[in-house]
Amino acid sequence: MRGQAEQAKRGVVEARLRAVRPHLAALALVAPVVAALVTFLAGAPLEAIAVPVLVAFATIGYLRSRVLRPRRWPPAAAVAAGVSGVHIGLVTAWPLAPAAALALGAGAFYLARDARRRVLEPYTPELADSRVEVPWQARGARGLELLVGHDRITLAGSRGRFRLVRPMVALSGVGAVEQILVSRRATLEVPGVGELRVTVTPGPAVRITVPPGQWIVPTDHGREIARLVARRKELAGVEGVEGSPG
């Protein structure tokens, strides 16, 4: 009976993923197909069609490998469509390349973001029973996210415009996860990550015990995160599951 209940929970998320697969396929194919058609109509050498074909195959392969990581879909779709736009400009009139890249890239980004939203929102407990990576945006820190995967958690941030930092901890190394209340603004260093700092604003936050210290991330969803991590630790068979919904 319990197995049937867990299978039903996974089925909810699988249904969401099935619903967006046609959209992901379209995102991978439409811009490269348009680029290949324009290449043919423009009378460019047939070898030039190889570029959009390669872009299509690369995008399909990437999205298939990241189907359980919806956070990656928008930038991947934007890059693929942008490259196709540049190609269109180069085989027609090169001054059009930036405009074509921007238009196609932006359109693909927003369509992929909508597909991501349809899988992750609204957040429901069924997501905890799936293998989908669930991202949580930090409050007041646009470039900082807490990513809860099926086997690890990741704090994705940056310590400069072009320097990304992604400390990861396996679920087996995660201790207590609890919602706390922060009374004043503070900038905290992330243990073991050198220059990466988190600005914590007054209000709810989640505190996660990890080696060699703890992460404190400002968020209004501390209870959901605590339950999500605890459930995934349980599914992974991690000993000593700890977590507090606050």
Protein backbone atom coordinates (compact mmCIF):
# COMPACT_ATOMS: atom_id res chain seq x y z
CA MET A 1 0.00 0.00 0.00
CA ARG A 2 2.82 2.34 0.92
CA GLY A 3 4.60 1.51 -2.34
CA GLN A 4 1.49 2.39 -4.33
CA ALA A 5 1.23 5.75 -2.53
CA GLU A 6 4.87 6.58 -3.30
CA GLN A 7 4.38 5.55 -6.94
CA ALA A 8 1.34 7.83 -7.16
CA LYS A 9 3.40 10.73 -5.80
CA ARG A 10 6.10 10.16 -8.40
CA GLY A 11 3.41 9.95 -11.05
CA VAL A 12 2.35 13.54 -10.37
CA VAL A 13 5.83 14.84 -11.18
CA GLU A 14 6.25 12.48 -14.13
CA ALA A 15 3.02 13.89 -15.56
CA ARG A 16 4.43 17.42 -15.28
CA LEU A 17 7.61 16.34 -17.06
CA ARG A 18 5.67 14.60 -19.84
CA ALA A 19 3.60 17.74 -20.35
CA VAL A 20 6.65 19.93 -21.03
CA ARG A 21 8.67 17.47 -23.15
CA PRO A 22 7.06 18.65 -26.42
CA HIS A 23 7.96 22.23 -25.50
CA LEU A 24 11.57 21.26 -24.79
CA ALA A 25 11.75 19.43 -28.12
CA ALA A 26 10.41 22.52 -29.88
CA LEU A 27 12.95 24.72 -28.11
CA ALA A 28 15.75 22.44 -29.30
CA LEU A 29 14.56 22.23 -32.90
CA VAL A 30 12.64 25.33 -34.02
CA ALA A 31 15.50 27.87 -34.10
CA PRO A 32 18.01 25.48 -35.76
CA VAL A 33 15.38 24.38 -38.33
CA VAL A 34 14.63 28.01 -39.15
CA ALA A 35 18.37 28.68 -39.45
CA ALA A 36 18.81 25.70 -41.78
CA LEU A 37 15.86 26.83 -43.94
CA VAL A 38 17.18 30.39 -44.18
CA THR A 39 20.63 29.00 -45.08
CA PHE A 40 19.10 27.00 -47.92
CA LEU A 41 16.95 29.87 -49.23
CA ALA A 42 19.86 32.30 -49.05
CA GLY A 43 21.84 30.10 -51.41
CA ALA A 44 24.66 29.58 -48.94
CA PRO A 45 26.90 26.52 -49.35
CA LEU A 46 25.15 23.38 -48.20
CA GLU A 47 27.99 22.77 -45.75
CA ALA A 48 26.71 25.75 -43.80
CA ILE A 49 23.58 23.78 -42.89
CA ALA A 50 25.81 21.60 -40.73
CA VAL A 51 25.98 24.38 -38.13
CA PRO A 52 22.25 24.47 -37.20
CA VAL A 53 22.12 20.66 -37.44
CA LEU A 54 24.95 20.38 -34.90
CA VAL A 55 23.27 22.99 -32.69
CA ALA A 56 20.04 20.97 -32.74
CA PHE A 57 21.77 17.70 -31.82
CA ALA A 58 23.84 19.35 -29.09
CA THR A 59 20.78 21.02 -27.58
CA ILE A 60 18.72 17.83 -27.63
CA GLY A 61 21.56 15.92 -25.97
CA TYR A 62 22.06 18.59 -23.31
CA LEU A 63 18.37 18.92 -22.44
CA ARG A 64 17.98 15.15 -22.26
CA SER A 65 20.89 14.95 -19.83
CA ARG A 66 19.40 17.79 -17.75
CA VAL A 67 15.74 16.78 -17.89
CA LEU A 68 15.70 16.46 -14.07
CA ARG A 69 17.38 19.83 -13.61
CA PRO A 70 14.83 22.41 -14.86
CA ARG A 71 16.98 25.28 -13.63
CA ARG A 72 19.35 24.61 -16.56
CA TRP A 73 16.71 24.72 -19.31
CA PRO A 74 16.37 28.51 -19.92
CA PRO A 75 20.08 29.34 -20.39
CA ALA A 76 20.62 26.26 -22.57
CA ALA A 77 17.65 27.13 -24.79
CA ALA A 78 18.77 30.76 -25.02
CA VAL A 79 22.33 29.83 -26.07
CA ALA A 80 21.10 27.37 -28.73
CA ALA A 81 18.61 29.85 -30.19
CA GLY A 82 21.16 32.68 -30.00
CA VAL A 83 23.74 30.68 -31.96
CA SER A 84 21.09 29.92 -34.57
CA GLY A 85 20.30 33.65 -34.76
CA VAL A 86 23.94 34.52 -35.32
CA HIS A 87 24.09 31.92 -38.08
CA ILE A 88 21.02 33.43 -39.76
CA GLY A 89 22.66 36.84 -39.72
CA LEU A 90 25.92 35.54 -41.13
CA VAL A 91 24.30 33.77 -44.10
CA THR A 92 22.01 36.72 -44.93
CA ALA A 93 23.30 40.12 -43.82
CA TRP A 94 25.82 40.14 -40.98
CA PRO A 95 24.47 43.33 -39.33
CA LEU A 96 21.32 41.32 -38.58
CA ALA A 97 23.23 38.76 -36.52
CA PRO A 98 23.01 40.55 -33.13
CA ALA A 99 19.31 41.32 -33.54
CA ALA A 100 18.47 37.78 -34.68
CA ALA A 101 20.49 36.27 -31.84
CA LEU A 102 18.84 38.53 -29.27
CA ALA A 103 15.31 37.93 -30.54
CA LEU A 104 15.61 34.15 -30.83
CA GLY A 105 17.60 33.81 -27.61
CA ALA A 106 15.16 35.89 -25.57
CA GLY A 107 12.15 34.05 -26.96
CA ALA A 108 13.68 30.64 -26.21
CA PHE A 109 14.69 31.75 -22.71
CA TYR A 110 11.19 32.83 -21.74
CA LEU A 111 9.56 29.74 -23.23
CA ALA A 112 12.00 27.48 -21.37
CA ARG A 113 11.43 29.44 -18.18
CA ASP A 114 7.71 28.81 -18.55
CA ALA A 115 8.37 25.08 -18.98
CA ARG A 116 10.54 25.15 -15.85
CA ARG A 117 7.78 26.90 -13.91
CA ARG A 118 5.21 24.31 -15.00
CA VAL A 119 7.36 21.53 -13.53
CA LEU A 120 8.41 23.24 -10.29
CA GLU A 121 5.35 25.34 -9.44
CA PRO A 122 3.37 25.07 -7.37
CA TYR A 123 5.75 23.31 -5.05
CA THR A 124 4.07 20.21 -3.65
CA PRO A 125 5.31 17.34 -1.43
CA GLU A 126 5.25 15.06 -4.49
CA LEU A 127 8.42 16.78 -5.73
CA ALA A 128 10.29 15.40 -2.72
CA ASP A 129 9.61 11.84 -3.91
CA SER A 130 11.01 12.55 -7.37
CA ARG A 131 14.59 12.95 -8.57
CA VAL A 132 13.97 16.48 -9.86
CA GLU A 133 16.43 19.08 -8.58
CA VAL A 134 14.45 21.75 -6.74
CA PRO A 135 15.92 25.29 -6.68
CA TRP A 136 15.10 27.81 -3.96
CA GLN A 137 15.89 31.45 -4.65
CA ALA A 138 17.39 33.29 -1.66
CA ARG A 139 15.35 36.28 -0.52
CA GLY A 140 17.04 39.57 -1.40
CA ALA A 141 19.97 37.87 -3.16
CA ARG A 142 19.11 37.40 -6.82
CA GLY A 143 22.32 35.53 -7.65
CA LEU A 144 22.08 32.99 -4.82
CA GLU A 145 20.11 29.74 -4.93
CA LEU A 146 19.89 26.65 -2.78
CA LEU A 147 19.55 23.55 -4.97
CA VAL A 148 18.17 20.37 -3.43
CA GLY A 149 18.94 17.35 -5.58
CA HIS A 150 18.05 13.72 -4.94
CA ASP A 151 21.51 12.98 -3.55
CA ARG A 152 23.08 16.35 -2.66
CA ILE A 153 22.46 19.97 -1.87
CA THR A 154 24.25 22.85 -3.58
CA LEU A 155 24.62 26.52 -2.76
CA ALA A 156 24.91 28.26 -6.13
CA GLY A 157 26.29 31.78 -5.97
CA SER A 158 29.10 33.96 -7.26
CA ARG A 159 32.06 35.88 -5.88
CA GLY A 160 32.41 38.16 -8.85
CA ARG A 161 30.72 38.95 -12.13
CA PHE A 162 32.23 35.95 -13.91
CA ARG A 163 33.26 33.68 -11.02
CA LEU A 164 30.62 31.14 -10.06
CA VAL A 165 30.86 29.13 -6.87
CA ARG A 166 28.85 25.97 -6.24
CA PRO A 167 29.76 24.23 -2.95
CA MET A 168 28.06 20.82 -2.82
CA VAL A 169 27.36 18.49 0.09
CA ALA A 170 26.10 14.92 -0.22
CA LEU A 171 22.89 14.23 1.66
CA SER A 172 24.83 11.89 3.93
CA GLY A 173 26.83 14.89 5.13
CA VAL A 174 23.83 17.13 5.84
CA GLY A 175 22.87 17.49 9.50
CA ALA A 176 19.99 19.46 10.96
CA VAL A 177 17.89 21.61 8.64
CA GLU A 178 15.66 24.10 10.41
CA GLN A 179 13.84 27.36 9.91
CA ILE A 180 15.12 30.25 11.99
CA LEU A 181 14.27 33.93 12.38
CA VAL A 182 16.94 36.52 11.62
CA SER A 183 16.58 39.79 13.54
CA ARG A 184 19.11 41.96 11.72
CA ARG A 185 20.93 42.21 8.41
CA ALA A 186 24.30 40.50 8.29
CA THR A 187 26.86 39.31 5.74
CA LEU A 188 28.10 35.81 6.52
CA GLU A 189 30.97 33.83 5.05
CA VAL A 190 30.18 30.38 3.70
CA PRO A 191 32.43 27.91 5.56
CA GLY A 192 35.14 26.42 3.39
CA VAL A 193 34.37 28.55 0.31
CA GLY A 194 36.68 31.49 0.86
CA GLU A 195 35.27 34.63 -0.68
CA LEU A 196 31.65 33.51 -1.05
CA ARG A 197 29.39 35.46 1.29
CA VAL A 198 25.66 35.42 1.94
CA THR A 199 23.79 38.58 2.87
CA VAL A 200 21.07 37.61 5.32
CA THR A 201 18.15 40.01 5.67
CA PRO A 202 15.74 40.25 8.62
CA GLY A 203 13.03 37.61 8.48
CA PRO A 204 12.79 33.84 8.09
CA ALA A 205 15.83 31.85 6.96
CA VAL A 206 16.91 28.23 6.76
CA ARG A 207 19.94 26.97 8.69
CA ILE A 208 21.64 23.86 7.29
CA THR A 209 24.36 22.06 9.21
CA VAL A 210 27.10 20.94 6.82
CA PRO A 211 30.81 20.25 7.21
CA PRO A 212 32.67 22.34 8.26
CA GLY A 213 29.93 24.59 9.68
CA GLN A 214 26.52 25.79 8.58
CA TRP A 215 24.77 27.55 5.73
CA ILE A 216 22.22 30.25 6.52
CA VAL A 217 20.07 31.20 3.55
CA PRO A 218 17.37 33.89 3.76
CA THR A 219 14.10 32.36 2.54
CA ASP A 220 10.43 32.28 3.41
CA HIS A 221 10.33 28.54 2.64
CA GLY A 222 12.45 27.11 5.43
CA ARG A 223 9.80 24.59 6.50
CA GLU A 224 9.38 23.25 2.97
CA ILE A 225 13.15 22.97 2.52
CA ALA A 226 13.55 21.13 5.84
CA ARG A 227 10.85 18.62 4.93
CA LEU A 228 12.23 18.22 1.40
CA VAL A 229 15.76 17.45 2.61
CA ALA A 230 14.49 15.11 5.34
CA ARG A 231 12.34 13.18 2.87
CA ARG A 232 15.12 12.82 0.32
CA LYS A 233 17.51 11.64 3.00
CA GLU A 234 14.93 9.06 4.00
CA LEU A 235 14.50 7.88 0.41
CA ALA A 236 18.27 7.67 0.01
CA GLY A 237 18.52 5.53 3.13
CA VAL A 238 20.76 8.02 4.89
CA GLU A 239 21.31 7.14 8.53
CA GLY A 240 20.41 9.63 11.22
CA VAL A 241 17.89 11.71 9.25
CA GLU A 242 17.66 15.09 10.91
CA GLY A 243 15.47 18.00 10.10
CA SER A 244 13.09 20.40 11.68
CA PRO A 245 10.16 22.06 9.98
CA GLY A 246 10.52 24.94 12.43
